[in-house]
Amino acid sequence: MIDVAKIKIKAGDGGNGRVSFFTARGITKGGPDGGDGGNGGSVYFVADNNLSTLIDFRSKEIYKAKNGENGGKKNMTGASGGDLLVKVPVGTLVYEVAGVEETLIGDMVENGQKILVAQSGVGGKGNVRFKGSTNQTPMQYIPGTSGEEKDIKLEIKLIADVGLVGAPNAGKSTLLNRLTNANAKVAGYPFTTLAPNLGICRFKNGHVAVLADIPGLIEGASRGKGLGDDFLRHIERTRLLVQLIDPLDGAGEDVMQNALKGYEMIRSELRDYGHGLDGKEAIVAINKIDVTEVKEALVKIVKEFKEKGVNVLGISAVSGEGVENLLQKISDELDKIPQRPSFEIKKVVKKYNIENLPNKRVVFNKDKIKTLEKRL
C-alpha cells in the first residue's frame, strides 16, 4: 500500500497585458486597444472514495495548471487557464512542505471534498487601462502574476472508528472477517496482513462502525521494526482500539505470562509511537479461548489483569465464542466516545522577499516603444 507521496504543484501564471493601438485603413493614429491577460488556473485537491492508495503519485510527481493567455488587440482579454483538479483518496492529509517544516493545510475526510491548494496568478492589464487626457498613447502594461508553486506531502490515514491491534498472527484478520463483511486474507503464519484492511460492522441498535485491521506489531515497531511503524498512522483517527492478545505467542512460557507480555508490548509500542495512541480508549481481548490451555487459564488471566486495573474479555475469533460480548462492548464504548475530531489545519503565512514580491509594477514595453515611435 502506497500511503505517503511527495509531489510538486504549480498554479497557472496570469497572462500579460498587451500594448497595442487600433489600426485600420485611413487611421494613422488609433487609440490604445491592448487587452488584459487571462487568469491562470488554480490547483485543487478533491477527495474520491474510489481511490485507496497514492500509487498514481509515484509515476507522476509534478502537477501544473494551465497559464492564462496574454491579452489581445481590440481590447480582447486573454483566455483564462483551466483549474486543475487532483483526486486523492478519502482520508488523505495534505501538508505544505517548506524545507524541513511540514504544515497541515487540508484533511480530506468526505467524498467530494474540495480544497484550494495553489492559487492561480492574476491576469495583467493592457495599455488601454492607462489611457487618459494626458496619456493618449500609453506604452505601459501590467504583466500577469505568477501562480503559486508548492512542495506537497500527501499521507493517508484511514478513516475508521475502531482499530484492531496486536502481534502478528494474533487473529486480527480472522476477527475482522467475523465482525464485518471483510474478506481479509487469513493464514497460519505471521505477517499475513501486509496492508490495512477495512470492514463495516453493524450493531443490533442499527448503528454501524468502520473497523481497521493493521499489520501485526512486534517489539520495536515504533522504531521501524517489522511493518507496524509504517501503518500505525492508520489508527490515529480511530475512536477506540481493540487490543487483541494471543496467549499462545511465547517462547515456552505459560499462557498467563504470554498474555501479560503481549499486553505490555502493545502498550509500550503505542506509547513510544505517540500521536495520542496510548491515550485512546481501548478494549483488551484475550483470543484463542477455543484452545484448551487458554480456556483453563482464562479465569486466572482475567483476575491477574484486573489486579493491574485492566478488564479483559475472552474470545475466539475462530469459533465465535465470546464475540457477541465483544461486539456489545464495542457498541457501548463507541456510544460514549465523541465523533472523531479532525486534525488541526493551519493556515500558512506566506513570507515575501525581494524575489517573490507580488508583481504590481507597471512595465514599459521598450521594444514596442521603438516600433511605435517610428509609426508616430
Protein backbone atom coordinates (compact mmCIF):
# COMPACT_ATOMS: atom_id res chain seq x y z
CA MET A 1 0.00 0.00 0.00
CA ILE A 2 1.44 3.35 -1.07
CA ASP A 3 0.19 5.72 1.63
CA VAL A 4 2.80 8.53 1.52
CA ALA A 5 3.82 10.57 -1.51
CA LYS A 6 5.59 13.84 -2.25
CA ILE A 7 4.71 15.95 -5.27
CA LYS A 8 5.17 19.44 -6.68
CA ILE A 9 2.25 21.57 -7.78
CA LYS A 10 2.21 24.76 -9.82
CA ALA A 11 -0.79 27.00 -10.41
CA GLY A 12 -1.04 28.72 -13.78
CA ASP A 13 0.52 32.15 -14.32
CA GLY A 14 -1.65 35.06 -15.33
CA GLY A 15 -1.30 36.23 -18.92
CA ASN A 16 0.40 39.56 -19.62
CA GLY A 17 -1.49 42.68 -20.56
CA ARG A 18 -0.92 43.82 -24.15
CA VAL A 19 0.40 47.06 -25.61
CA SER A 20 -1.25 47.74 -28.95
CA PHE A 21 -3.06 50.52 -30.83
CA PHE A 22 -6.05 50.40 -33.09
CA THR A 23 -5.20 50.16 -36.78
CA ALA A 24 -7.43 50.41 -39.79
CA ARG A 25 -7.30 51.76 -43.33
CA GLY A 26 -7.13 55.53 -43.21
CA ILE A 27 -6.43 55.65 -39.48
CA THR A 28 -2.82 56.51 -38.69
CA LYS A 29 -3.04 57.31 -35.01
CA GLY A 30 -5.54 54.95 -33.43
CA GLY A 31 -6.06 54.86 -29.69
CA PRO A 32 -4.78 52.15 -27.36
CA ASP A 33 -6.62 48.82 -27.55
CA GLY A 34 -4.36 46.37 -25.68
CA GLY A 35 -6.46 43.85 -23.73
CA ASP A 36 -5.95 42.30 -20.31
CA GLY A 37 -4.32 38.92 -19.75
CA GLY A 38 -6.39 35.95 -18.58
CA ASN A 39 -6.13 34.47 -15.10
CA GLY A 40 -4.17 31.25 -14.66
CA GLY A 41 -5.71 28.03 -13.39
CA SER A 42 -5.69 27.10 -9.70
CA VAL A 43 -4.86 23.66 -8.29
CA TYR A 44 -7.48 21.89 -6.17
CA PHE A 45 -7.43 18.53 -4.39
CA VAL A 46 -10.65 16.52 -4.47
CA ALA A 47 -11.38 13.53 -2.19
CA ASP A 48 -12.54 10.44 -4.08
CA ASN A 49 -13.63 7.25 -2.31
CA ASN A 50 -12.90 5.23 -5.44
CA LEU A 51 -9.19 5.63 -4.68
CA SER A 52 -7.43 3.76 -1.87
CA THR A 53 -3.70 4.41 -2.35
CA LEU A 54 -1.33 7.12 -3.57
CA ILE A 55 0.34 4.87 -6.14
CA ASP A 56 -0.52 7.22 -9.03
CA PHE A 57 1.65 9.92 -7.45
CA ARG A 58 4.72 7.70 -7.70
CA SER A 59 4.66 7.80 -11.50
CA LYS A 60 3.78 11.48 -11.78
CA GLU A 61 5.33 13.94 -9.34
CA ILE A 62 4.65 17.35 -10.94
CA TYR A 63 1.17 18.79 -11.45
CA LYS A 64 0.69 22.06 -13.32
CA ALA A 65 -2.43 24.07 -14.06
CA LYS A 66 -2.65 25.97 -17.35
CA ASN A 67 -1.42 29.54 -17.72
CA GLY A 68 -3.72 32.36 -18.72
CA GLU A 69 -3.25 33.69 -22.25
CA ASN A 70 -1.88 37.15 -22.98
CA GLY A 71 -4.23 39.99 -23.80
CA GLY A 72 -5.05 40.62 -27.45
CA LYS A 73 -5.73 43.52 -29.78
CA LYS A 74 -9.09 45.26 -29.92
CA ASN A 75 -9.28 45.19 -26.13
CA MET A 76 -9.67 41.40 -26.10
CA THR A 77 -9.00 39.65 -22.78
CA GLY A 78 -6.86 36.52 -22.94
CA ALA A 79 -8.47 33.19 -22.14
CA SER A 80 -8.14 32.01 -18.56
CA GLY A 81 -6.30 28.77 -17.80
CA GLY A 82 -8.50 25.92 -16.59
CA ASP A 83 -8.29 24.81 -12.96
CA LEU A 84 -6.52 21.52 -12.25
CA LEU A 85 -8.44 19.02 -10.09
CA VAL A 86 -6.22 16.37 -8.48
CA LYS A 87 -8.06 13.39 -7.00
CA VAL A 88 -6.82 11.87 -3.73
CA PRO A 89 -8.24 9.07 -1.52
CA VAL A 90 -10.66 9.94 1.27
CA GLY A 91 -8.60 10.13 4.48
CA THR A 92 -5.66 11.93 2.88
CA LEU A 93 -3.80 14.61 4.83
CA VAL A 94 -2.27 17.40 2.76
CA TYR A 95 0.93 19.04 4.02
CA GLU A 96 2.72 22.05 2.59
CA VAL A 97 6.47 21.44 2.79
CA ALA A 98 8.97 24.28 3.21
CA GLY A 99 12.46 22.95 3.85
CA VAL A 100 12.14 20.59 6.81
CA GLU A 101 8.91 22.17 8.03
CA GLU A 102 5.60 20.48 7.19
CA THR A 103 2.31 22.31 7.76
CA LEU A 104 -1.03 20.52 7.60
CA ILE A 105 -3.27 22.51 5.25
CA GLY A 106 -6.00 20.00 4.44
CA ASP A 107 -7.77 16.92 5.81
CA MET A 108 -9.79 15.14 3.12
CA VAL A 109 -12.43 13.35 5.18
CA GLU A 110 -15.51 13.35 2.93
CA ASN A 111 -16.09 12.09 -0.58
CA GLY A 112 -16.19 15.04 -2.98
CA GLN A 113 -14.49 17.42 -0.55
CA LYS A 114 -12.52 20.05 -2.45
CA ILE A 115 -9.75 22.31 -1.18
CA LEU A 116 -7.70 25.01 -2.88
CA VAL A 117 -4.01 24.18 -2.66
CA ALA A 118 -2.34 26.59 -5.08
CA GLN A 119 -3.84 29.95 -6.08
CA SER A 120 -3.69 31.00 -9.70
CA GLY A 121 -1.86 34.04 -10.98
CA VAL A 122 -3.91 37.10 -11.92
CA GLY A 123 -4.02 38.36 -15.47
CA GLY A 124 -2.19 41.61 -16.18
CA LYS A 125 -3.65 44.85 -17.57
CA GLY A 126 -3.34 46.09 -21.13
CA ASN A 127 -2.35 49.60 -22.14
CA VAL A 128 -5.96 50.63 -22.70
CA ARG A 129 -6.21 50.80 -18.90
CA PHE A 130 -3.68 53.65 -18.84
CA LYS A 131 -5.39 55.90 -21.38
CA GLY A 132 -6.11 59.39 -20.12
CA SER A 133 -6.28 63.02 -21.20
CA THR A 134 -2.57 63.44 -20.57
CA ASN A 135 -1.55 59.97 -21.72
CA GLN A 136 -3.27 59.31 -25.04
CA THR A 137 -0.65 56.86 -26.33
CA PRO A 138 0.18 54.81 -23.22
CA MET A 139 3.05 52.37 -23.56
CA GLN A 140 2.57 50.87 -20.11
CA TYR A 141 1.12 47.48 -19.30
CA ILE A 142 0.97 45.21 -16.26
CA PRO A 143 2.24 41.64 -16.58
CA GLY A 144 0.35 38.72 -15.09
CA THR A 145 1.37 37.49 -11.66
CA SER A 146 2.87 34.06 -11.11
CA GLY A 147 0.74 31.19 -9.85
CA GLU A 148 1.68 29.63 -6.53
CA GLU A 149 4.21 26.82 -6.59
CA LYS A 150 4.46 24.40 -3.68
CA ASP A 151 6.01 21.18 -2.47
CA ILE A 152 3.26 18.94 -1.12
CA LYS A 153 3.31 15.82 1.02
CA LEU A 154 0.28 13.51 0.91
CA GLU A 155 -0.33 10.98 3.66
CA ILE A 156 -3.26 8.59 4.01
CA LYS A 157 -4.68 7.96 7.47
CA LEU A 158 -7.60 5.60 7.18
CA ILE A 159 -10.96 6.77 8.45
CA ALA A 160 -12.12 4.11 10.89
CA ASP A 161 -13.96 4.05 14.23
CA VAL A 162 -12.18 1.02 15.69
CA GLY A 163 -8.61 -0.16 15.23
CA LEU A 164 -7.57 -3.78 15.81
CA VAL A 165 -4.00 -4.01 17.09
CA GLY A 166 -1.92 -6.93 18.22
CA ALA A 167 1.08 -9.10 17.50
CA PRO A 168 1.47 -10.92 14.16
CA ASN A 169 -0.82 -13.96 13.92
CA ALA A 170 -2.88 -12.83 16.93
CA GLY A 171 -6.09 -13.32 14.92
CA LYS A 172 -6.91 -9.74 13.95
CA SER A 173 -7.87 -10.55 10.36
CA THR A 174 -9.95 -13.53 11.49
CA LEU A 175 -11.77 -11.30 13.96
CA LEU A 176 -12.29 -8.59 11.33
CA ASN A 177 -13.85 -11.14 8.97
CA ARG A 178 -16.17 -12.38 11.70
CA LEU A 179 -17.29 -8.91 12.82
CA THR A 180 -17.67 -7.44 9.33
CA ASN A 181 -18.18 -8.35 5.70
CA ALA A 182 -14.47 -8.03 5.03
CA ASN A 183 -12.64 -10.81 3.26
CA ALA A 184 -9.17 -10.26 4.69
CA LYS A 185 -6.55 -12.91 3.96
CA VAL A 186 -6.07 -15.37 6.82
CA ALA A 187 -3.21 -17.86 7.14
CA GLY A 188 -1.29 -19.70 9.84
CA TYR A 189 1.88 -17.66 9.62
CA PRO A 190 2.93 -14.19 10.85
CA PHE A 191 2.57 -11.04 8.74
CA THR A 192 -0.22 -12.44 6.58
CA THR A 193 -1.61 -8.89 6.60
CA LEU A 194 0.74 -6.64 4.64
CA ALA A 195 -1.61 -3.65 4.34
CA PRO A 196 -4.52 -2.32 6.42
CA ASN A 197 -7.93 -3.93 5.89
CA LEU A 198 -11.28 -2.21 6.47
CA GLY A 199 -14.69 -3.66 7.23
CA ILE A 200 -18.17 -2.40 8.13
CA CYS A 201 -19.58 -3.65 11.42
CA ARG A 202 -23.34 -3.46 12.05
CA PHE A 203 -24.64 -3.41 15.63
CA LYS A 204 -28.02 -4.56 16.96
CA ASN A 205 -29.06 -0.96 17.66
CA GLY A 206 -28.77 -0.18 13.95
CA HIS A 207 -25.52 1.77 14.24
CA VAL A 208 -22.56 0.97 12.03
CA ALA A 209 -18.83 1.37 12.53
CA VAL A 210 -15.75 1.03 10.37
CA LEU A 211 -13.11 -1.37 11.69
CA ALA A 212 -9.47 -1.33 10.61
CA ASP A 213 -7.04 -4.22 10.94
CA ILE A 214 -3.39 -3.20 10.59
CA PRO A 215 -0.31 -5.41 10.15
CA GLY A 216 0.95 -7.01 13.33
CA LEU A 217 3.08 -5.19 15.86
CA ILE A 218 6.36 -6.59 17.11
CA GLU A 219 8.64 -5.22 19.79
CA GLY A 220 10.40 -2.21 18.30
CA ALA A 221 7.63 -1.46 15.77
CA SER A 222 7.51 2.18 16.87
CA ARG A 223 11.20 2.41 15.92
CA GLY A 224 10.65 0.91 12.47
CA LYS A 225 10.91 -2.83 13.06
CA GLY A 226 8.52 -5.08 11.17
CA LEU A 227 5.55 -3.41 9.47
CA GLY A 228 3.91 -1.73 12.46
CA ASP A 229 5.61 1.64 12.20
CA ASP A 230 4.51 2.04 8.58
CA PHE A 231 0.86 1.51 9.45
CA LEU A 232 0.32 2.78 13.00
CA ARG A 233 -0.66 6.09 11.40
CA HIS A 234 -3.84 4.41 10.18
CA ILE A 235 -5.26 4.10 13.69
CA GLU A 236 -4.58 7.73 14.64
CA ARG A 237 -8.11 8.66 13.54
CA THR A 238 -9.83 5.81 15.39
CA ARG A 239 -12.03 6.47 18.39
CA LEU A 240 -11.46 3.07 20.01
CA LEU A 241 -8.78 0.38 19.98
CA VAL A 242 -9.26 -3.36 20.41
CA GLN A 243 -6.01 -4.81 21.70
CA LEU A 244 -6.03 -8.48 20.72
CA ILE A 245 -3.78 -10.69 22.84
CA ASP A 246 -2.53 -14.12 21.77
CA PRO A 247 -1.62 -16.01 24.98
CA LEU A 248 -0.05 -18.81 22.93
CA ASP A 249 2.54 -16.45 21.49
CA GLY A 250 5.60 -17.05 23.65
CA ALA A 251 8.85 -18.93 23.99
CA GLY A 252 7.92 -21.76 26.33
CA GLU A 253 6.29 -19.51 28.93
CA ASP A 254 2.83 -20.27 30.35
CA VAL A 255 -0.22 -18.61 28.83
CA MET A 256 -0.54 -16.20 31.76
CA GLN A 257 2.92 -14.76 31.22
CA ASN A 258 2.42 -14.70 27.47
CA ALA A 259 -0.78 -12.69 27.86
CA LEU A 260 0.82 -10.15 30.18
CA LYS A 261 3.90 -9.84 28.00
CA GLY A 262 1.77 -9.39 24.87
CA TYR A 263 -0.30 -6.67 26.53
CA GLU A 264 2.77 -4.77 27.76
CA MET A 265 4.37 -4.98 24.30
CA ILE A 266 1.33 -3.40 22.65
CA ARG A 267 1.06 -0.66 25.27
CA SER A 268 4.77 0.09 25.01
CA GLU A 269 4.70 0.40 21.21
CA LEU A 270 1.63 2.65 21.23
CA ARG A 271 3.24 4.83 23.89
CA ASP A 272 6.54 5.07 22.02
CA TYR A 273 4.83 5.88 18.71
CA GLY A 274 2.97 8.80 20.32
CA HIS A 275 0.40 10.86 18.40
CA GLY A 276 -2.16 10.17 21.13
CA LEU A 277 -2.44 6.40 20.52
CA ASP A 278 -1.58 5.49 24.11
CA GLY A 279 -4.39 7.72 25.39
CA LYS A 280 -7.15 6.22 23.26
CA GLU A 281 -9.93 4.20 24.87
CA ALA A 282 -9.17 0.51 24.49
CA ILE A 283 -10.79 -2.89 24.93
CA VAL A 284 -8.44 -5.77 25.76
CA ALA A 285 -9.46 -9.14 24.37
CA ILE A 286 -7.76 -12.48 25.05
CA ASN A 287 -8.06 -14.53 21.85
CA LYS A 288 -7.96 -18.30 21.21
CA ILE A 289 -10.06 -19.40 24.18
CA ASP A 290 -11.12 -22.34 22.00
CA VAL A 291 -7.70 -23.84 22.80
CA THR A 292 -7.84 -25.94 25.97
CA GLU A 293 -4.85 -24.47 27.83
CA VAL A 294 -6.11 -20.92 27.21
CA LYS A 295 -9.65 -21.74 28.30
CA GLU A 296 -8.41 -23.37 31.51
CA ALA A 297 -6.23 -20.34 32.35
CA LEU A 298 -8.78 -17.67 31.39
CA VAL A 299 -10.17 -17.10 34.91
CA LYS A 300 -6.63 -16.71 36.22
CA ILE A 301 -5.72 -14.33 33.37
CA VAL A 302 -8.79 -12.17 33.94
CA LYS A 303 -8.01 -11.95 37.66
CA GLU A 304 -4.35 -11.04 37.06
CA PHE A 305 -5.28 -8.28 34.61
CA LYS A 306 -7.97 -6.93 36.93
CA GLU A 307 -5.41 -6.56 39.72
CA LYS A 308 -3.50 -4.33 37.28
CA GLY A 309 -6.64 -2.25 36.67
CA VAL A 310 -7.40 -3.75 33.25
CA ASN A 311 -10.67 -5.50 32.36
CA VAL A 312 -10.34 -8.16 29.68
CA LEU A 313 -12.72 -10.25 27.60
CA GLY A 314 -12.12 -13.80 26.45
CA ILE A 315 -12.97 -14.57 22.82
CA SER A 316 -12.28 -16.98 19.99
CA ALA A 317 -12.12 -15.31 16.61
CA VAL A 318 -12.23 -18.78 15.02
CA SER A 319 -15.22 -20.34 16.80
CA GLY A 320 -17.02 -17.10 17.61
CA GLU A 321 -17.15 -17.77 21.35
CA GLY A 322 -17.36 -14.51 23.30
CA VAL A 323 -17.51 -12.41 20.11
CA GLU A 324 -21.08 -11.22 20.78
CA ASN A 325 -19.94 -9.86 24.15
CA LEU A 326 -17.05 -8.09 22.45
CA LEU A 327 -19.38 -6.65 19.83
CA GLN A 328 -21.70 -5.29 22.52
CA LYS A 329 -18.74 -3.83 24.40
CA ILE A 330 -17.51 -2.07 21.25
CA SER A 331 -21.01 -0.65 20.65
CA ASP A 332 -21.32 0.59 24.24
CA GLU A 333 -17.89 2.24 24.20
CA LEU A 334 -18.46 3.98 20.85
CA ASP A 335 -21.72 5.43 22.18
CA LYS A 336 -19.72 7.13 24.93
CA ILE A 337 -16.89 8.42 22.74
CA PRO A 338 -17.39 11.63 20.71
CA GLN A 339 -17.11 11.51 16.96
CA ARG A 340 -13.59 11.62 15.62
CA PRO A 341 -12.19 15.16 15.64
CA SER A 342 -10.43 16.40 12.51
CA PHE A 343 -6.72 17.06 12.55
CA GLU A 344 -5.80 20.68 13.23
CA ILE A 345 -5.50 22.62 9.99
CA LYS A 346 -3.07 25.53 9.97
CA LYS A 347 -3.00 28.50 7.66
CA VAL A 348 0.35 29.05 6.03
CA VAL A 349 1.53 32.63 6.31
CA LYS A 350 3.44 33.39 3.14
CA LYS A 351 6.77 35.10 3.65
CA TYR A 352 7.84 37.54 0.97
CA ASN A 353 11.31 38.57 -0.02
CA ILE A 354 12.69 40.76 -2.80
CA GLU A 355 12.41 37.87 -5.29
CA ASN A 356 8.80 36.90 -4.69
CA LEU A 357 7.07 40.22 -4.00
CA PRO A 358 3.62 40.34 -5.62
CA ASN A 359 4.04 41.73 -9.11
CA LYS A 360 2.21 45.08 -9.11
CA ARG A 361 4.62 47.22 -11.02
CA VAL A 362 3.85 48.92 -14.32
CA VAL A 363 6.07 47.79 -17.17
CA PHE A 364 7.14 49.82 -20.19
CA ASN A 365 7.48 47.70 -23.27
CA LYS A 366 10.73 49.04 -24.76
CA ASP A 367 10.55 47.06 -27.99
CA LYS A 368 7.08 48.33 -28.76
CA ILE A 369 8.05 51.87 -27.85
CA LYS A 370 10.73 51.90 -30.58
CA THR A 371 8.31 50.44 -33.16
CA LEU A 372 5.54 52.85 -32.33
CA GLU A 373 7.85 55.88 -32.21
CA LYS A 374 8.61 55.28 -35.89
CA ARG A 375 4.89 54.99 -36.64
CA LEU A 376 4.05 58.15 -34.72
